[in-house]
Amino acid sequence: ERLSVVVFGASGDLAKRKTYPALLDLYIENALPEKSILCGYARSEKSDEELRDQLRPFLLKKGSEKIVDEFLKLCIYRSGQYENVDVNLSKELSELHDQNANSNKTENENRVFYLALPPEAFLSTSASIKRTLMTKCGWNRVIVEKPFGHDLPSCLEMSNELSKIFSEEQLYRIDHYLGKEMVQAILLLRFGNSFLEPIWNNHFVKIVVITFKESIGTMGRGGYFDSSGIIRDVMQNHLMQVLSIIAMETPVRVSGEGYSNYVRDEKVKVLKCIKPWKLENSVLGQYVSNGVEPGYADDETVPKGSNCPTYACVAMTIDNPRWEGVPFIMKAGKALDNQ
């Protein structure tokens, strides 16, 4: 079957560092259909070759020059407004598949839409996708990256509005941190070793520390970071996902059909047992210049006088029988001593 992947926000940092390298991994593993088109889409104008040149250095970290060049042949680029995607793009994708020498016009054409965009663009882009890009001869999938809004009210509003546009089967809400090998290994470690279950509790565990360290600062992206800070950017999503996997009760199953629903349910249960964070159990900080690299406040994209935290440490407790009395300490920061 044919596959079209449209990456919205293709000129952004997330697409270059995460999305396209992940697609290359699928290509290397022969997990992409032979008849695939990977279409980058963003507001800025550029040619197919310009996109490929921008992606190449990031992709060469994953594969050989020969493999990367073959993969980049699948990549094209189109520009326009997110809230008003040209209806002709849908027709063009089908025509490009038709031009493939091995293509059969009677085959289904499946489409994946990946939104590597800020949350304020999700709803308008989704509505535009619904109007102009959905295939009628195959399945459609829409992948929405975190953050899901700025706070609980905006998250709930976004979730409600997205459910009006797409069916639950079509919609995937993801946190790319869960794809990391280390995070995947936690599930395997916990539930692939039965001898650990009797000691995975407050009788044998004194403290749990979850640490996220980056050696780089904002590097010119301070304007974006300042609107979120380290807690919203890393802790309440990436690290809370890690904590929930470590602390949750054993799901009905961790593989096989429908396993993700069981894992999700246990995550939610343990998150509801976490007592609200208190300021007296927290430490906040902001990095300064080390004499070589600029400090956070020195970044020209950061608002003057910003007190946005680039480091946070929080101690919390989980109010359930398994973890009663065990402190869970979460630490995250940018521009630290190592990665």
Protein backbone atom coordinates (compact mmCIF):
# COMPACT_ATOMS: atom_id res chain seq x y z
CA GLU A 1 0.00 0.00 0.00
CA ARG A 2 1.01 3.60 -0.49
CA LEU A 3 1.97 5.78 2.48
CA SER A 4 2.16 9.57 2.70
CA VAL A 5 3.67 11.13 5.83
CA VAL A 6 3.15 14.89 6.17
CA VAL A 7 5.38 16.50 8.82
CA PHE A 8 3.96 19.86 9.85
CA GLY A 9 6.65 22.14 11.27
CA ALA A 10 9.31 20.48 9.14
CA SER A 11 11.67 23.47 9.35
CA GLY A 12 11.68 23.40 13.16
CA ASP A 13 14.14 21.97 15.66
CA LEU A 14 11.98 19.00 16.73
CA ALA A 15 11.54 17.78 13.16
CA LYS A 16 15.27 17.92 12.40
CA ARG A 17 16.48 16.38 15.66
CA LYS A 18 13.72 13.84 16.34
CA THR A 19 11.05 13.31 13.68
CA TYR A 20 13.12 12.75 10.55
CA PRO A 21 15.82 10.68 12.32
CA ALA A 22 12.99 8.47 13.65
CA LEU A 23 11.62 8.09 10.13
CA LEU A 24 15.13 7.15 8.98
CA ASP A 25 15.21 4.43 11.66
CA LEU A 26 11.98 3.03 10.22
CA TYR A 27 13.49 3.15 6.74
CA ILE A 28 16.63 1.31 7.85
CA GLU A 29 14.48 -1.36 9.52
CA ASN A 30 12.40 -1.73 6.32
CA ALA A 31 9.37 -0.67 8.36
CA LEU A 32 8.32 1.99 5.84
CA PRO A 33 6.35 0.80 2.82
CA GLU A 34 8.38 0.88 -0.39
CA LYS A 35 5.87 3.34 -1.85
CA SER A 36 6.30 6.11 0.71
CA ILE A 37 6.37 9.89 0.34
CA LEU A 38 7.62 12.01 3.25
CA CYS A 39 6.34 15.54 2.80
CA GLY A 40 7.67 18.31 5.03
CA TYR A 41 5.37 21.29 5.45
CA ALA A 42 6.02 24.68 7.09
CA ARG A 43 5.46 28.39 6.57
CA SER A 44 9.00 29.21 5.38
CA GLU A 45 9.69 28.78 1.68
CA LYS A 46 12.41 26.39 0.57
CA SER A 47 13.08 23.79 -2.09
CA ASP A 48 13.21 20.02 -1.69
CA GLU A 49 17.01 20.21 -1.89
CA GLU A 50 17.21 22.87 0.79
CA LEU A 51 15.20 20.68 3.17
CA ARG A 52 17.42 17.70 2.38
CA ASP A 53 20.57 19.74 3.02
CA GLN A 54 19.21 20.84 6.40
CA LEU A 55 18.30 17.29 7.41
CA ARG A 56 21.44 15.55 6.16
CA PRO A 57 23.81 16.34 9.09
CA PHE A 58 21.24 15.08 11.61
CA LEU A 59 20.55 11.91 9.62
CA LEU A 60 24.22 11.04 9.10
CA LYS A 61 24.41 10.40 12.85
CA LYS A 62 22.03 7.48 12.25
CA GLY A 63 23.05 5.97 8.93
CA SER A 64 25.69 5.81 6.22
CA GLU A 65 25.89 8.42 3.48
CA LYS A 66 24.48 5.95 0.94
CA ILE A 67 21.46 5.06 3.09
CA VAL A 68 20.80 8.71 3.99
CA ASP A 69 20.89 9.74 0.33
CA GLU A 70 18.42 6.97 -0.55
CA PHE A 71 16.12 8.03 2.29
CA LEU A 72 16.24 11.70 1.32
CA LYS A 73 14.91 10.84 -2.13
CA LEU A 74 11.60 10.11 -0.38
CA CYS A 75 11.58 13.59 1.23
CA ILE A 76 9.88 16.56 -0.38
CA TYR A 77 8.90 19.98 0.95
CA ARG A 78 5.91 22.25 0.52
CA SER A 79 5.19 25.60 2.19
CA GLY A 80 2.03 27.41 3.20
CA GLN A 81 -0.13 28.45 6.13
CA TYR A 82 -0.99 25.80 8.69
CA GLU A 83 -4.57 26.97 9.10
CA ASN A 84 -5.19 26.96 5.37
CA VAL A 85 -3.38 24.04 3.72
CA ASP A 86 -3.75 24.17 -0.05
CA VAL A 87 -6.32 21.63 -1.20
CA ASN A 88 -4.03 20.87 -4.14
CA LEU A 89 -1.47 19.24 -1.82
CA SER A 90 -3.76 16.23 -1.35
CA LYS A 91 -4.09 15.82 -5.11
CA GLU A 92 -0.34 16.28 -5.59
CA LEU A 93 0.51 13.50 -3.11
CA SER A 94 -1.74 11.08 -4.99
CA GLU A 95 -0.22 12.14 -8.33
CA LEU A 96 3.31 11.64 -7.02
CA HIS A 97 2.37 8.09 -6.03
CA ASP A 98 0.87 7.54 -9.49
CA GLN A 99 4.20 8.54 -11.06
CA ASN A 100 5.97 5.76 -9.19
CA ALA A 101 6.89 3.06 -11.69
CA ASN A 102 5.84 0.32 -9.26
CA SER A 103 2.59 2.02 -8.30
CA ASN A 104 -0.86 0.60 -8.81
CA LYS A 105 -3.58 3.25 -8.96
CA THR A 106 -6.08 0.90 -7.32
CA GLU A 107 -4.00 0.59 -4.12
CA ASN A 108 -5.04 2.26 -0.90
CA GLU A 109 -3.17 5.40 0.09
CA ASN A 110 -2.71 5.73 3.86
CA ARG A 111 -1.72 9.05 5.40
CA VAL A 112 0.04 10.07 8.62
CA PHE A 113 0.03 13.71 9.73
CA TYR A 114 2.69 14.57 12.31
CA LEU A 115 2.22 17.88 14.11
CA ALA A 116 5.69 19.07 15.22
CA LEU A 117 4.11 22.41 16.10
CA PRO A 118 3.46 24.65 19.11
CA PRO A 119 0.15 23.77 20.81
CA GLU A 120 -1.56 26.99 19.74
CA ALA A 121 -1.36 25.75 16.12
CA PHE A 122 -2.84 22.28 16.76
CA LEU A 123 -6.52 23.06 16.35
CA SER A 124 -6.33 25.28 13.26
CA THR A 125 -3.95 22.86 11.55
CA SER A 126 -6.13 19.87 12.45
CA ALA A 127 -9.21 21.57 11.04
CA SER A 128 -7.28 22.30 7.84
CA ILE A 129 -6.15 18.68 7.57
CA LYS A 130 -9.73 17.53 7.98
CA ARG A 131 -10.91 19.87 5.20
CA THR A 132 -8.21 19.26 2.61
CA LEU A 133 -5.82 16.35 3.25
CA MET A 134 -7.64 13.27 4.55
CA THR A 135 -7.45 10.29 2.22
CA LYS A 136 -10.68 8.62 1.19
CA CYS A 137 -9.04 5.35 0.11
CA GLY A 138 -7.10 4.24 3.18
CA TRP A 139 -6.62 5.11 6.84
CA ASN A 140 -5.68 8.48 8.35
CA ARG A 141 -3.61 9.01 11.50
CA VAL A 142 -2.85 12.32 13.23
CA ILE A 143 0.06 12.46 15.69
CA VAL A 144 0.05 15.30 18.22
CA GLU A 145 3.26 16.02 20.16
CA LYS A 146 3.41 17.38 23.67
CA PRO A 147 2.86 19.96 25.13
CA PHE A 148 -0.92 19.57 25.12
CA GLY A 149 -1.75 23.15 25.99
CA HIS A 150 -0.20 25.40 28.65
CA ASP A 151 -2.23 24.34 31.68
CA LEU A 152 -5.11 22.03 32.62
CA PRO A 153 -7.94 24.21 31.21
CA SER A 154 -6.19 24.69 27.86
CA CYS A 155 -5.34 20.97 27.73
CA LEU A 156 -8.96 19.98 28.31
CA GLU A 157 -10.15 22.48 25.73
CA MET A 158 -7.68 21.16 23.16
CA SER A 159 -8.62 17.55 23.86
CA ASN A 160 -12.33 18.29 23.50
CA GLU A 161 -11.87 20.22 20.25
CA LEU A 162 -9.57 17.60 18.70
CA SER A 163 -12.11 14.88 19.50
CA LYS A 164 -14.67 16.84 17.49
CA ILE A 165 -12.36 16.84 14.45
CA PHE A 166 -10.93 13.30 14.53
CA SER A 167 -12.09 9.95 15.83
CA GLU A 168 -10.13 8.41 18.70
CA GLU A 169 -8.83 5.75 16.30
CA GLN A 170 -7.30 8.47 14.11
CA LEU A 171 -5.73 10.50 16.91
CA TYR A 172 -2.42 9.72 18.63
CA ARG A 173 -1.15 11.90 21.50
CA ILE A 174 2.51 11.18 22.11
CA ASP A 175 5.44 12.10 24.30
CA HIS A 176 8.57 11.30 22.31
CA TYR A 177 10.52 10.68 25.54
CA LEU A 178 8.69 7.36 25.90
CA GLY A 179 10.43 6.16 22.73
CA LYS A 180 13.86 6.38 24.31
CA GLU A 181 15.58 3.03 24.73
CA MET A 182 16.25 3.77 28.41
CA VAL A 183 12.56 4.37 29.13
CA GLN A 184 11.52 1.30 27.16
CA ALA A 185 14.03 -0.70 29.19
CA ILE A 186 12.31 0.25 32.46
CA LEU A 187 9.21 -1.71 31.42
CA LEU A 188 11.37 -4.69 30.47
CA LEU A 189 13.38 -4.47 33.67
CA ARG A 190 10.32 -4.28 35.92
CA PHE A 191 8.02 -6.78 34.33
CA GLY A 192 10.49 -9.10 32.61
CA ASN A 193 12.15 -10.05 35.92
CA SER A 194 9.65 -11.61 38.33
CA PHE A 195 12.17 -11.62 41.21
CA LEU A 196 11.98 -7.80 41.34
CA GLU A 197 8.27 -7.54 42.12
CA PRO A 198 8.53 -8.62 45.81
CA ILE A 199 11.23 -5.97 46.48
CA TRP A 200 9.80 -3.12 44.34
CA ASN A 201 8.22 -1.35 47.30
CA ASN A 202 8.81 0.73 50.42
CA HIS A 203 10.17 -2.23 52.40
CA PHE A 204 13.28 -2.39 50.22
CA VAL A 205 13.48 0.99 48.44
CA LYS A 206 14.69 3.94 50.51
CA ILE A 207 14.48 6.71 47.92
CA VAL A 208 13.84 7.16 44.18
CA VAL A 209 15.71 9.88 42.27
CA ILE A 210 14.86 10.75 38.65
CA THR A 211 17.37 13.10 36.99
CA PHE A 212 17.33 14.91 33.65
CA LYS A 213 20.51 16.83 32.79
CA GLU A 214 21.39 18.79 29.67
CA SER A 215 24.83 20.28 29.15
CA ILE A 216 23.55 22.85 26.66
CA GLY A 217 21.58 26.01 27.37
CA THR A 218 18.73 27.48 25.35
CA MET A 219 21.04 28.27 22.40
CA GLY A 220 18.89 31.03 20.93
CA ARG A 221 15.57 29.33 21.75
CA GLY A 222 15.05 31.27 24.96
CA GLY A 223 11.91 32.95 23.68
CA TYR A 224 10.17 29.57 23.42
CA PHE A 225 11.66 28.19 26.63
CA ASP A 226 10.74 31.27 28.66
CA SER A 227 7.05 30.65 28.00
CA SER A 228 7.26 27.23 29.64
CA GLY A 229 10.28 26.86 31.92
CA ILE A 230 11.94 23.61 32.94
CA ILE A 231 8.90 22.33 34.89
CA ARG A 232 6.45 22.58 31.98
CA ASP A 233 9.07 21.72 29.35
CA VAL A 234 10.46 18.55 30.93
CA MET A 235 9.18 17.61 34.37
CA GLN A 236 5.37 17.50 34.14
CA ASN A 237 5.51 15.43 30.94
CA HIS A 238 8.75 13.54 30.24
CA LEU A 239 9.79 12.87 33.81
CA MET A 240 6.28 12.25 35.15
CA GLN A 241 5.95 9.57 32.47
CA VAL A 242 9.15 7.95 33.74
CA LEU A 243 7.96 8.21 37.35
CA SER A 244 4.61 6.62 36.50
CA ILE A 245 6.29 3.64 34.82
CA ILE A 246 8.56 3.14 37.83
CA ALA A 247 5.84 3.55 40.45
CA MET A 248 2.66 2.12 38.89
CA GLU A 249 1.10 -1.17 39.92
CA THR A 250 1.50 -4.18 37.62
CA PRO A 251 -0.82 -3.81 34.58
CA VAL A 252 -3.00 -6.68 33.41
CA ARG A 253 -0.53 -7.05 30.55
CA VAL A 254 2.45 -5.10 29.17
CA SER A 255 2.41 -6.56 25.65
CA GLY A 256 -0.11 -7.93 23.20
CA GLU A 257 -3.44 -6.59 22.03
CA GLY A 258 -4.75 -3.62 23.98
CA TYR A 259 -1.82 -3.59 26.42
CA SER A 260 -1.36 0.19 26.12
CA ASN A 261 -4.80 0.79 27.66
CA TYR A 262 -3.91 -1.29 30.70
CA VAL A 263 -0.56 0.48 31.11
CA ARG A 264 -2.26 3.88 30.78
CA ASP A 265 -4.86 2.98 33.42
CA GLU A 266 -2.19 2.02 35.98
CA LYS A 267 -0.22 5.20 35.23
CA VAL A 268 -3.29 7.33 35.89
CA LYS A 269 -3.98 5.53 39.17
CA VAL A 270 -0.51 6.19 40.56
CA LEU A 271 -0.46 9.81 39.36
CA LYS A 272 -3.67 10.40 41.31
CA CYS A 273 -1.86 9.19 44.43
CA ILE A 274 0.84 11.87 44.22
CA LYS A 275 0.32 14.67 46.69
CA PRO A 276 0.49 18.19 45.23
CA TRP A 277 3.98 19.67 45.03
CA LYS A 278 4.82 22.23 47.72
CA LEU A 279 7.15 25.19 47.34
CA GLU A 280 8.96 24.29 50.57
CA ASN A 281 9.89 20.93 49.00
CA SER A 282 11.24 22.54 45.83
CA VAL A 283 14.42 24.25 44.65
CA LEU A 284 14.40 26.52 41.58
CA GLY A 285 17.35 28.08 39.78
CA GLN A 286 18.55 29.76 36.61
CA TYR A 287 21.95 29.16 35.02
CA VAL A 288 24.47 31.97 34.66
CA SER A 289 27.53 32.36 32.46
CA ASN A 290 30.55 30.19 33.24
CA GLY A 291 32.84 32.70 31.55
CA VAL A 292 32.74 30.81 28.27
CA GLU A 293 29.07 30.20 27.49
CA PRO A 294 26.45 32.91 28.05
CA GLY A 295 23.99 32.70 30.93
CA TYR A 296 20.26 32.31 30.42
CA ALA A 297 19.60 36.03 30.92
CA ASP A 298 22.32 36.80 28.34
CA ASP A 299 20.31 35.06 25.58
CA GLU A 300 18.97 37.85 23.37
CA THR A 301 15.70 35.94 22.86
CA VAL A 302 14.98 35.86 26.62
CA PRO A 303 12.81 38.72 27.97
CA LYS A 304 14.72 41.18 30.14
CA GLY A 305 14.46 40.45 33.86
CA SER A 306 13.07 36.94 33.33
CA ASN A 307 12.96 34.75 36.44
CA CYS A 308 12.02 31.64 34.45
CA PRO A 309 13.60 28.53 36.10
CA THR A 310 16.07 26.52 34.04
CA TYR A 311 16.65 24.13 36.96
CA ALA A 312 14.19 22.56 39.39
CA CYS A 313 14.36 19.90 42.08
CA VAL A 314 11.15 18.64 43.67
CA ALA A 315 10.57 16.11 46.44
CA MET A 316 7.18 14.38 46.40
CA THR A 317 5.43 11.42 47.97
CA ILE A 318 3.03 8.80 46.64
CA ASP A 319 0.12 8.11 48.94
CA ASN A 320 -0.43 4.39 48.45
CA PRO A 321 0.60 1.18 50.28
CA ARG A 322 3.47 0.33 47.90
CA TRP A 323 5.32 3.66 48.24
CA GLU A 324 4.17 5.13 51.54
CA GLY A 325 7.08 6.97 53.18
CA VAL A 326 9.41 6.79 50.14
CA PRO A 327 10.47 10.21 48.81
CA PHE A 328 10.52 10.55 45.03
CA ILE A 329 12.97 13.30 44.02
CA MET A 330 12.81 14.71 40.51
CA LYS A 331 15.62 16.93 39.20
CA ALA A 332 15.91 18.62 35.80
CA GLY A 333 18.10 21.37 34.40
CA LYS A 334 19.78 22.91 31.40
CA ALA A 335 23.43 24.02 31.04
CA LEU A 336 24.60 21.61 33.73
CA ASP A 337 28.00 19.95 34.18
CA ASN A 338 27.22 16.97 31.92
CA GLN A 339 24.53 15.34 29.79
